[in-house]
Amino acid sequence: MSEKPIDRTRCPLCGRPNDCARDKGQNEKDCWCVFETFPAEILELVPEEKKGKACICRTCLQRFQQR
């Protein structure tokens, strides 16, 4: 049984589009995430198999910050 490939364009927390500039063929230095801070606690929520492979979306980051 083969594993389902990870969709880099989807948030690993909610599955919605993550709006990553790199995956849109744009310069990653211009991505919205470059200007944000991601607390270690939100990164710990990413499933192990998706860590470093799919970006968290802006909505999940904002919801986490509002807790």
N, C-alpha and C. Protein backbone atom coordinates (compact mmCIF):
# COMPACT_ATOMS: atom_id res chain seq x y z
N MET A 1 0.84 -1.18 0.00
CA MET A 1 0.00 0.00 0.00
C MET A 1 0.89 1.25 0.00
N SER A 2 0.70 2.14 -0.97
CA SER A 2 1.53 3.34 -1.06
C SER A 2 0.91 4.50 -0.29
N GLU A 3 1.79 5.37 0.21
CA GLU A 3 1.32 6.53 0.96
C GLU A 3 0.80 7.58 -0.01
N LYS A 4 -0.20 8.34 0.45
CA LYS A 4 -0.74 9.43 -0.34
C LYS A 4 0.29 10.57 -0.34
N PRO A 5 0.63 11.12 -1.52
CA PRO A 5 1.61 12.20 -1.54
C PRO A 5 1.10 13.44 -0.81
N ILE A 6 2.02 14.18 -0.22
CA ILE A 6 1.66 15.39 0.52
C ILE A 6 1.48 16.52 -0.47
N ASP A 7 0.35 17.21 -0.37
CA ASP A 7 0.06 18.36 -1.22
C ASP A 7 0.68 19.59 -0.57
N ARG A 8 1.76 20.09 -1.13
CA ARG A 8 2.49 21.23 -0.56
C ARG A 8 1.68 22.52 -0.59
N THR A 9 0.63 22.57 -1.42
CA THR A 9 -0.17 23.79 -1.55
C THR A 9 -1.28 23.87 -0.49
N ARG A 10 -1.40 22.84 0.34
CA ARG A 10 -2.45 22.78 1.36
C ARG A 10 -1.87 22.86 2.76
N CYS A 11 -2.56 23.57 3.62
CA CYS A 11 -2.14 23.70 5.02
C CYS A 11 -2.19 22.32 5.69
N PRO A 12 -1.14 21.95 6.41
CA PRO A 12 -1.12 20.65 7.07
C PRO A 12 -2.05 20.59 8.29
N LEU A 13 -2.58 21.73 8.71
CA LEU A 13 -3.48 21.74 9.87
C LEU A 13 -4.95 21.69 9.47
N CYS A 14 -5.33 22.44 8.43
CA CYS A 14 -6.75 22.51 8.07
C CYS A 14 -7.07 21.97 6.68
N GLY A 15 -6.05 21.85 5.82
CA GLY A 15 -6.26 21.32 4.48
C GLY A 15 -6.65 22.36 3.44
N ARG A 16 -6.80 23.62 3.86
CA ARG A 16 -7.13 24.67 2.90
C ARG A 16 -5.86 25.15 2.20
N PRO A 17 -6.02 25.87 1.07
CA PRO A 17 -4.83 26.41 0.38
C PRO A 17 -4.00 27.27 1.32
N ASN A 18 -2.68 27.13 1.26
CA ASN A 18 -1.81 27.88 2.17
C ASN A 18 -1.26 29.16 1.55
N ASP A 19 -1.53 29.39 0.27
CA ASP A 19 -1.14 30.63 -0.42
C ASP A 19 0.37 30.84 -0.39
N CYS A 20 1.13 29.78 -0.54
CA CYS A 20 2.59 29.85 -0.52
C CYS A 20 3.11 30.39 -1.84
N ALA A 21 3.92 31.45 -1.77
CA ALA A 21 4.47 32.06 -2.98
C ALA A 21 5.35 31.08 -3.75
N ARG A 22 6.14 30.29 -3.04
CA ARG A 22 7.04 29.33 -3.68
C ARG A 22 6.27 28.36 -4.57
N ASP A 23 5.14 27.89 -4.08
CA ASP A 23 4.36 26.92 -4.85
C ASP A 23 3.55 27.56 -5.97
N LYS A 24 3.52 28.88 -5.99
CA LYS A 24 2.87 29.61 -7.07
C LYS A 24 3.89 30.07 -8.11
N GLY A 25 5.16 29.66 -7.92
CA GLY A 25 6.21 30.04 -8.84
C GLY A 25 6.74 31.45 -8.61
N GLN A 26 6.41 32.03 -7.46
CA GLN A 26 6.88 33.37 -7.13
C GLN A 26 8.09 33.28 -6.22
N ASN A 27 8.74 34.39 -6.02
CA ASN A 27 9.90 34.45 -5.14
C ASN A 27 9.45 34.22 -3.70
N GLU A 28 10.03 33.23 -3.04
CA GLU A 28 9.61 32.92 -1.66
C GLU A 28 9.92 34.05 -0.69
N LYS A 29 10.83 34.95 -1.06
CA LYS A 29 11.13 36.11 -0.21
C LYS A 29 9.96 37.08 -0.14
N ASP A 30 9.03 36.96 -1.09
CA ASP A 30 7.86 37.83 -1.13
C ASP A 30 6.62 37.17 -0.51
N CYS A 31 6.76 35.98 0.01
CA CYS A 31 5.62 35.26 0.57
C CYS A 31 5.13 35.94 1.85
N TRP A 32 3.84 35.86 2.08
CA TRP A 32 3.23 36.48 3.26
C TRP A 32 3.86 35.96 4.54
N CYS A 33 4.30 34.71 4.56
CA CYS A 33 4.81 34.11 5.79
C CYS A 33 6.15 34.67 6.25
N VAL A 34 6.90 35.26 5.32
CA VAL A 34 8.21 35.83 5.66
C VAL A 34 8.07 36.96 6.68
N PHE A 35 6.93 37.60 6.67
CA PHE A 35 6.69 38.75 7.54
C PHE A 35 5.97 38.38 8.82
N GLU A 36 5.80 37.08 9.07
CA GLU A 36 5.08 36.59 10.24
C GLU A 36 6.02 35.82 11.17
N THR A 37 5.56 35.66 12.41
CA THR A 37 6.27 34.83 13.38
C THR A 37 5.40 33.62 13.68
N PHE A 38 5.99 32.45 13.57
CA PHE A 38 5.28 31.20 13.84
C PHE A 38 5.77 30.65 15.17
N PRO A 39 4.93 30.71 16.21
CA PRO A 39 5.34 30.17 17.51
C PRO A 39 5.64 28.67 17.42
N ALA A 40 6.58 28.23 18.21
CA ALA A 40 6.94 26.81 18.22
C ALA A 40 5.72 25.93 18.49
N GLU A 41 4.80 26.43 19.28
CA GLU A 41 3.62 25.63 19.65
C GLU A 41 2.75 25.30 18.44
N ILE A 42 2.63 26.22 17.46
CA ILE A 42 1.83 25.91 16.28
C ILE A 42 2.56 24.92 15.38
N LEU A 43 3.88 25.04 15.32
CA LEU A 43 4.66 24.10 14.51
C LEU A 43 4.57 22.69 15.06
N GLU A 44 4.43 22.56 16.37
CA GLU A 44 4.29 21.25 17.00
C GLU A 44 2.98 20.57 16.65
N LEU A 45 1.99 21.34 16.20
CA LEU A 45 0.68 20.79 15.82
C LEU A 45 0.69 20.12 14.44
N VAL A 46 1.72 20.41 13.65
CA VAL A 46 1.82 19.83 12.31
C VAL A 46 2.13 18.35 12.44
N PRO A 47 1.36 17.50 11.75
CA PRO A 47 1.65 16.06 11.79
C PRO A 47 3.08 15.78 11.35
N GLU A 48 3.72 14.86 12.00
CA GLU A 48 5.14 14.55 11.77
C GLU A 48 5.47 14.35 10.29
N GLU A 49 4.62 13.63 9.57
CA GLU A 49 4.90 13.33 8.16
C GLU A 49 4.80 14.55 7.25
N LYS A 50 4.23 15.65 7.76
CA LYS A 50 4.08 16.87 6.95
C LYS A 50 5.03 17.99 7.37
N LYS A 51 5.78 17.78 8.44
CA LYS A 51 6.70 18.82 8.92
C LYS A 51 7.77 19.10 7.86
N GLY A 52 7.93 20.39 7.55
CA GLY A 52 8.90 20.80 6.56
C GLY A 52 8.50 20.51 5.12
N LYS A 53 7.27 20.07 4.92
CA LYS A 53 6.83 19.71 3.57
C LYS A 53 5.63 20.51 3.10
N ALA A 54 4.88 21.10 4.01
CA ALA A 54 3.71 21.90 3.66
C ALA A 54 3.59 23.07 4.63
N CYS A 55 3.29 24.24 4.10
CA CYS A 55 3.22 25.45 4.91
C CYS A 55 1.87 25.63 5.59
N ILE A 56 1.90 26.17 6.79
CA ILE A 56 0.69 26.51 7.53
C ILE A 56 0.06 27.73 6.86
N CYS A 57 -1.26 27.76 6.77
CA CYS A 57 -1.94 28.88 6.14
C CYS A 57 -2.09 30.07 7.10
N ARG A 58 -2.36 31.22 6.53
CA ARG A 58 -2.53 32.46 7.28
C ARG A 58 -3.69 32.37 8.27
N THR A 59 -4.78 31.73 7.86
CA THR A 59 -5.95 31.60 8.73
C THR A 59 -5.63 30.81 9.98
N CYS A 60 -4.94 29.69 9.83
CA CYS A 60 -4.58 28.88 11.00
C CYS A 60 -3.62 29.66 11.92
N LEU A 61 -2.68 30.39 11.33
CA LEU A 61 -1.77 31.19 12.14
C LEU A 61 -2.53 32.26 12.91
N GLN A 62 -3.44 32.96 12.25
CA GLN A 62 -4.22 34.00 12.92
C GLN A 62 -5.10 33.43 14.03
N ARG A 63 -5.73 32.31 13.77
CA ARG A 63 -6.57 31.67 14.80
C ARG A 63 -5.73 31.26 16.00
N PHE A 64 -4.55 30.75 15.76
CA PHE A 64 -3.67 30.34 16.83
C PHE A 64 -3.24 31.55 17.66
N GLN A 65 -2.92 32.65 16.99
CA GLN A 65 -2.48 33.85 17.67
C GLN A 65 -3.59 34.49 18.50
N GLN A 66 -4.84 34.27 18.14
CA GLN A 66 -5.97 34.86 18.86
C GLN A 66 -6.41 34.05 20.07
N ARG A 67 -5.81 32.90 20.28
CA ARG A 67 -6.22 32.05 21.42
C ARG A 67 -5.85 32.68 22.73
